[in-house]
Amino acid sequence: MTDEIVEEVRRAREAYAKQFNYDLRAIFADIKKRQADSGRELVSLPAKRIPPLTRTPSKR
């Protein structure tokens, strides 16, 4: 069973990567350029810290 939406996304991703000869640095540079050219305000949020799990003594 194939999902048409997933297949469409995969085709688009393949076509986009092929434009840059599958060069990840070139793809990243294009994404950063598009981001800068968008004119939108970019926001970086701090990472959320997850407290470590505390182990409870096992009942053996």
PDB file of N, CA and C in Angstrom:
ATOM      1  N   MET A   1       0.853  -1.180   0.000  1.00  0.00           N
ATOM      2  CA  MET A   1       0.000   0.000   0.000  1.00  0.00           C
ATOM      3  C   MET A   1       0.896   1.239   0.000  1.00  0.00           C
ATOM      4  N   THR A   2       0.697   2.124  -0.948  1.00  0.00           N
ATOM      5  CA  THR A   2       1.497   3.342  -1.014  1.00  0.00           C
ATOM      6  C   THR A   2       0.630   4.544  -0.680  1.00  0.00           C
ATOM      7  N   ASP A   3       1.258   5.484  -0.026  1.00  0.00           N
ATOM      8  CA  ASP A   3       0.590   6.722   0.346  1.00  0.00           C
ATOM      9  C   ASP A   3       0.955   7.769  -0.711  1.00  0.00           C
ATOM     10  N   GLU A   4      -0.046   8.307  -1.381  1.00  0.00           N
ATOM     11  CA  GLU A   4       0.194   9.261  -2.471  1.00  0.00           C
ATOM     12  C   GLU A   4       0.921  10.509  -1.982  1.00  0.00           C
ATOM     13  N   ILE A   5       0.595  10.980  -0.801  1.00  0.00           N
ATOM     14  CA  ILE A   5       1.222  12.192  -0.279  1.00  0.00           C
ATOM     15  C   ILE A   5       2.695  11.934   0.014  1.00  0.00           C
ATOM     16  N   VAL A   6       2.990  10.801   0.624  1.00  0.00           N
ATOM     17  CA  VAL A   6       4.382  10.454   0.922  1.00  0.00           C
ATOM     18  C   VAL A   6       5.168  10.339  -0.371  1.00  0.00           C
ATOM     19  N   GLU A   7       4.594   9.706  -1.368  1.00  0.00           N
ATOM     20  CA  GLU A   7       5.266   9.563  -2.656  1.00  0.00           C
ATOM     21  C   GLU A   7       5.513  10.926  -3.310  1.00  0.00           C
ATOM     22  N   GLU A   8       4.563  11.818  -3.209  1.00  0.00           N
ATOM     23  CA  GLU A   8       4.721  13.160  -3.776  1.00  0.00           C
ATOM     24  C   GLU A   8       5.853  13.918  -3.077  1.00  0.00           C
ATOM     25  N   VAL A   9       5.914  13.814  -1.755  1.00  0.00           N
ATOM     26  CA  VAL A   9       6.974  14.473  -0.995  1.00  0.00           C
ATOM     27  C   VAL A   9       8.332  13.886  -1.377  1.00  0.00           C
ATOM     28  N   ARG A  10       8.391  12.582  -1.532  1.00  0.00           N
ATOM     29  CA  ARG A  10       9.656  11.941  -1.911  1.00  0.00           C
ATOM     30  C   ARG A  10      10.099  12.373  -3.306  1.00  0.00           C
ATOM     31  N   ARG A  11       9.173  12.507  -4.226  1.00  0.00           N
ATOM     32  CA  ARG A  11       9.515  12.968  -5.578  1.00  0.00           C
ATOM     33  C   ARG A  11      10.037  14.404  -5.540  1.00  0.00           C
ATOM     34  N   ALA A  12       9.378  15.247  -4.757  1.00  0.00           N
ATOM     35  CA  ALA A  12       9.805  16.648  -4.636  1.00  0.00           C
ATOM     36  C   ALA A  12      11.188  16.726  -4.002  1.00  0.00           C
ATOM     37  N   ARG A  13      11.419  15.941  -2.971  1.00  0.00           N
ATOM     38  CA  ARG A  13      12.721  15.922  -2.302  1.00  0.00           C
ATOM     39  C   ARG A  13      13.809  15.455  -3.262  1.00  0.00           C
ATOM     40  N   GLU A  14      13.527  14.433  -4.030  1.00  0.00           N
ATOM     41  CA  GLU A  14      14.480  13.909  -5.009  1.00  0.00           C
ATOM     42  C   GLU A  14      14.806  14.963  -6.062  1.00  0.00           C
ATOM     43  N   ALA A  15      13.797  15.639  -6.578  1.00  0.00           N
ATOM     44  CA  ALA A  15      14.002  16.666  -7.611  1.00  0.00           C
ATOM     45  C   ALA A  15      14.820  17.833  -7.048  1.00  0.00           C
ATOM     46  N   TYR A  16      14.541  18.221  -5.821  1.00  0.00           N
ATOM     47  CA  TYR A  16      15.272  19.329  -5.193  1.00  0.00           C
ATOM     48  C   TYR A  16      16.739  18.948  -4.999  1.00  0.00           C
ATOM     49  N   ALA A  17      16.986  17.757  -4.478  1.00  0.00           N
ATOM     50  CA  ALA A  17      18.366  17.312  -4.252  1.00  0.00           C
ATOM     51  C   ALA A  17      19.116  17.174  -5.575  1.00  0.00           C
ATOM     52  N   LYS A  18      18.432  16.719  -6.606  1.00  0.00           N
ATOM     53  CA  LYS A  18      19.061  16.528  -7.915  1.00  0.00           C
ATOM     54  C   LYS A  18      19.529  17.857  -8.501  1.00  0.00           C
ATOM     55  N   GLN A  19      18.807  18.957  -8.210  1.00  0.00           N
ATOM     56  CA  GLN A  19      19.197  20.293  -8.680  1.00  0.00           C
ATOM     57  C   GLN A  19      20.597  20.658  -8.207  1.00  0.00           C
ATOM     58  N   PHE A  20      20.992  20.135  -7.063  1.00  0.00           N
ATOM     59  CA  PHE A  20      22.270  20.470  -6.453  1.00  0.00           C
ATOM     60  C   PHE A  20      23.247  19.300  -6.525  1.00  0.00           C
ATOM     61  N   ASN A  21      22.959  18.360  -7.408  1.00  0.00           N
ATOM     62  CA  ASN A  21      23.810  17.179  -7.597  1.00  0.00           C
ATOM     63  C   ASN A  21      24.009  16.445  -6.263  1.00  0.00           C
ATOM     64  N   TYR A  22      22.983  16.451  -5.439  1.00  0.00           N
ATOM     65  CA  TYR A  22      22.959  15.762  -4.146  1.00  0.00           C
ATOM     66  C   TYR A  22      24.055  16.259  -3.190  1.00  0.00           C
ATOM     67  N   ASP A  23      24.511  17.500  -3.390  1.00  0.00           N
ATOM     68  CA  ASP A  23      25.559  18.101  -2.551  1.00  0.00           C
ATOM     69  C   ASP A  23      24.886  18.750  -1.339  1.00  0.00           C
ATOM     70  N   LEU A  24      25.077  18.158  -0.171  1.00  0.00           N
ATOM     71  CA  LEU A  24      24.399  18.649   1.032  1.00  0.00           C
ATOM     72  C   LEU A  24      24.799  20.071   1.387  1.00  0.00           C
ATOM     73  N   ARG A  25      26.054  20.426   1.145  1.00  0.00           N
ATOM     74  CA  ARG A  25      26.483  21.799   1.441  1.00  0.00           C
ATOM     75  C   ARG A  25      25.746  22.795   0.544  1.00  0.00           C
ATOM     76  N   ALA A  26      25.587  22.458  -0.725  1.00  0.00           N
ATOM     77  CA  ALA A  26      24.877  23.338  -1.657  1.00  0.00           C
ATOM     78  C   ALA A  26      23.394  23.426  -1.290  1.00  0.00           C
ATOM     79  N   ILE A  27      22.809  22.311  -0.892  1.00  0.00           N
ATOM     80  CA  ILE A  27      21.399  22.303  -0.480  1.00  0.00           C
ATOM     81  C   ILE A  27      21.223  23.180   0.758  1.00  0.00           C
ATOM     82  N   PHE A  28      22.125  23.030   1.732  1.00  0.00           N
ATOM     83  CA  PHE A  28      22.049  23.824   2.950  1.00  0.00           C
ATOM     84  C   PHE A  28      22.193  25.313   2.640  1.00  0.00           C
ATOM     85  N   ALA A  29      23.146  25.650   1.756  1.00  0.00           N
ATOM     86  CA  ALA A  29      23.355  27.051   1.380  1.00  0.00           C
ATOM     87  C   ALA A  29      22.097  27.622   0.724  1.00  0.00           C
ATOM     88  N   ASP A  30      21.439  26.835  -0.112  1.00  0.00           N
ATOM     89  CA  ASP A  30      20.210  27.295  -0.758  1.00  0.00           C
ATOM     90  C   ASP A  30      19.099  27.515   0.262  1.00  0.00           C
ATOM     91  N   ILE A  31      18.987  26.610   1.197  1.00  0.00           N
ATOM     92  CA  ILE A  31      17.951  26.751   2.233  1.00  0.00           C
ATOM     93  C   ILE A  31      18.206  28.005   3.066  1.00  0.00           C
ATOM     94  N   LYS A  32      19.469  28.231   3.450  1.00  0.00           N
ATOM     95  CA  LYS A  32      19.801  29.430   4.230  1.00  0.00           C
ATOM     96  C   LYS A  32      19.521  30.698   3.426  1.00  0.00           C
ATOM     97  N   LYS A  33      19.815  30.686   2.121  1.00  0.00           N
ATOM     98  CA  LYS A  33      19.559  31.848   1.270  1.00  0.00           C
ATOM     99  C   LYS A  33      18.054  32.106   1.178  1.00  0.00           C
ATOM    100  N   ARG A  34      17.281  31.050   0.962  1.00  0.00           N
ATOM    101  CA  ARG A  34      15.823  31.208   0.901  1.00  0.00           C
ATOM    102  C   ARG A  34      15.284  31.758   2.215  1.00  0.00           C
ATOM    103  N   GLN A  35      15.855  31.284   3.304  1.00  0.00           N
ATOM    104  CA  GLN A  35      15.425  31.737   4.622  1.00  0.00           C
ATOM    105  C   GLN A  35      15.708  33.232   4.772  1.00  0.00           C
ATOM    106  N   ALA A  36      16.899  33.668   4.379  1.00  0.00           N
ATOM    107  CA  ALA A  36      17.272  35.082   4.487  1.00  0.00           C
ATOM    108  C   ALA A  36      16.433  35.944   3.545  1.00  0.00           C
ATOM    109  N   ASP A  37      16.172  35.434   2.341  1.00  0.00           N
ATOM    110  CA  ASP A  37      15.408  36.190   1.343  1.00  0.00           C
ATOM    111  C   ASP A  37      13.918  36.275   1.671  1.00  0.00           C
ATOM    112  N   SER A  38      13.451  35.456   2.582  1.00  0.00           N
ATOM    113  CA  SER A  38      12.013  35.411   2.865  1.00  0.00           C
ATOM    114  C   SER A  38      11.524  36.691   3.541  1.00  0.00           C
ATOM    115  N   GLY A  39      12.444  37.376   4.242  1.00  0.00           N
ATOM    116  CA  GLY A  39      12.040  38.597   4.934  1.00  0.00           C
ATOM    117  C   GLY A  39      11.314  38.334   6.236  1.00  0.00           C
ATOM    118  N   ARG A  40      11.184  37.095   6.598  1.00  0.00           N
ATOM    119  CA  ARG A  40      10.500  36.764   7.849  1.00  0.00           C
ATOM    120  C   ARG A  40      11.472  36.860   9.013  1.00  0.00           C
ATOM    121  N   GLU A  41      10.944  37.206  10.170  1.00  0.00           N
ATOM    122  CA  GLU A  41      11.769  37.252  11.365  1.00  0.00           C
ATOM    123  C   GLU A  41      12.030  35.827  11.830  1.00  0.00           C
ATOM    124  N   LEU A  42      13.300  35.517  12.034  1.00  0.00           N
ATOM    125  CA  LEU A  42      13.669  34.179  12.477  1.00  0.00           C
ATOM    126  C   LEU A  42      13.886  34.197  13.978  1.00  0.00           C
ATOM    127  N   VAL A  43      13.392  33.191  14.634  1.00  0.00           N
ATOM    128  CA  VAL A  43      13.484  33.110  16.087  1.00  0.00           C
ATOM    129  C   VAL A  43      14.183  31.810  16.453  1.00  0.00           C
ATOM    130  N   SER A  44      15.170  31.910  17.328  1.00  0.00           N
ATOM    131  CA  SER A  44      15.836  30.718  17.855  1.00  0.00           C
ATOM    132  C   SER A  44      15.465  30.594  19.321  1.00  0.00           C
ATOM    133  N   LEU A  45      14.903  29.487  19.672  1.00  0.00           N
ATOM    134  CA  LEU A  45      14.503  29.256  21.053  1.00  0.00           C
ATOM    135  C   LEU A  45      15.552  28.394  21.741  1.00  0.00           C
ATOM    136  N   PRO A  46      15.770  28.626  23.035  1.00  0.00           N
ATOM    137  CA  PRO A  46      16.744  27.788  23.740  1.00  0.00           C
ATOM    138  C   PRO A  46      16.231  26.352  23.837  1.00  0.00           C
ATOM    139  N   ALA A  47      17.167  25.439  23.907  1.00  0.00           N
ATOM    140  CA  ALA A  47      16.799  24.025  24.032  1.00  0.00           C
ATOM    141  C   ALA A  47      16.090  23.801  25.357  1.00  0.00           C
ATOM    142  N   LYS A  48      15.097  22.940  25.340  1.00  0.00           N
ATOM    143  CA  LYS A  48      14.405  22.582  26.577  1.00  0.00           C
ATOM    144  C   LYS A  48      15.208  21.487  27.267  1.00  0.00           C
ATOM    145  N   ARG A  49      15.485  21.711  28.516  1.00  0.00           N
ATOM    146  CA  ARG A  49      16.235  20.727  29.282  1.00  0.00           C
ATOM    147  C   ARG A  49      15.265  19.743  29.925  1.00  0.00           C
ATOM    148  N   ILE A  50      15.545  18.495  29.745  1.00  0.00           N
ATOM    149  CA  ILE A  50      14.706  17.450  30.336  1.00  0.00           C
ATOM    150  C   ILE A  50      15.433  16.937  31.562  1.00  0.00           C
ATOM    151  N   PRO A  51      14.773  16.983  32.723  1.00  0.00           N
ATOM    152  CA  PRO A  51      15.459  16.518  33.932  1.00  0.00           C
ATOM    153  C   PRO A  51      15.752  15.018  33.828  1.00  0.00           C
ATOM    154  N   PRO A  52      16.864  14.596  34.395  1.00  0.00           N
ATOM    155  CA  PRO A  52      17.198  13.155  34.350  1.00  0.00           C
ATOM    156  C   PRO A  52      16.172  12.340  35.112  1.00  0.00           C
ATOM    157  N   LEU A  53      15.999  11.122  34.664  1.00  0.00           N
ATOM    158  CA  LEU A  53      15.075  10.226  35.367  1.00  0.00           C
ATOM    159  C   LEU A  53      15.673   9.813  36.676  1.00  0.00           C
ATOM    160  N   THR A  54      14.836   9.713  37.684  1.00  0.00           N
ATOM    161  CA  THR A  54      15.305   9.206  38.962  1.00  0.00           C
ATOM    162  C   THR A  54      14.830   7.771  39.084  1.00  0.00           C
ATOM    163  N   ARG A  55      15.720   6.930  39.462  1.00  0.00           N
ATOM    164  CA  ARG A  55      15.375   5.514  39.568  1.00  0.00           C
ATOM    165  C   ARG A  55      14.867   5.220  40.977  1.00  0.00           C
ATOM    166  N   THR A  56      13.844   4.410  41.016  1.00  0.00           N
ATOM    167  CA  THR A  56      13.327   3.982  42.314  1.00  0.00           C
ATOM    168  C   THR A  56      13.872   2.600  42.599  1.00  0.00           C
ATOM    169  N   PRO A  57      14.156   2.316  43.845  1.00  0.00           N
ATOM    170  CA  PRO A  57      14.680   0.984  44.173  1.00  0.00           C
ATOM    171  C   PRO A  57      13.686  -0.104  43.782  1.00  0.00           C
ATOM    172  N   SER A  58      14.201  -1.156  43.222  1.00  0.00           N
ATOM    173  CA  SER A  58      13.303  -2.257  42.817  1.00  0.00           C
ATOM    174  C   SER A  58      12.901  -3.052  44.045  1.00  0.00           C
ATOM    175  N   LYS A  59      11.714  -3.630  43.985  1.00  0.00           N
ATOM    176  CA  LYS A  59      11.177  -4.402  45.105  1.00  0.00           C
ATOM    177  C   LYS A  59      11.398  -5.876  44.812  1.00  0.00           C
ATOM    178  N   ARG A  60      12.547  -6.390  45.177  1.00  0.00           N
ATOM    179  CA  ARG A  60      12.853  -7.821  44.966  1.00  0.00           C
ATOM    180  C   ARG A  60      12.901  -8.543  46.255  1.00  0.00           C
TER     181      ARG A  60
END
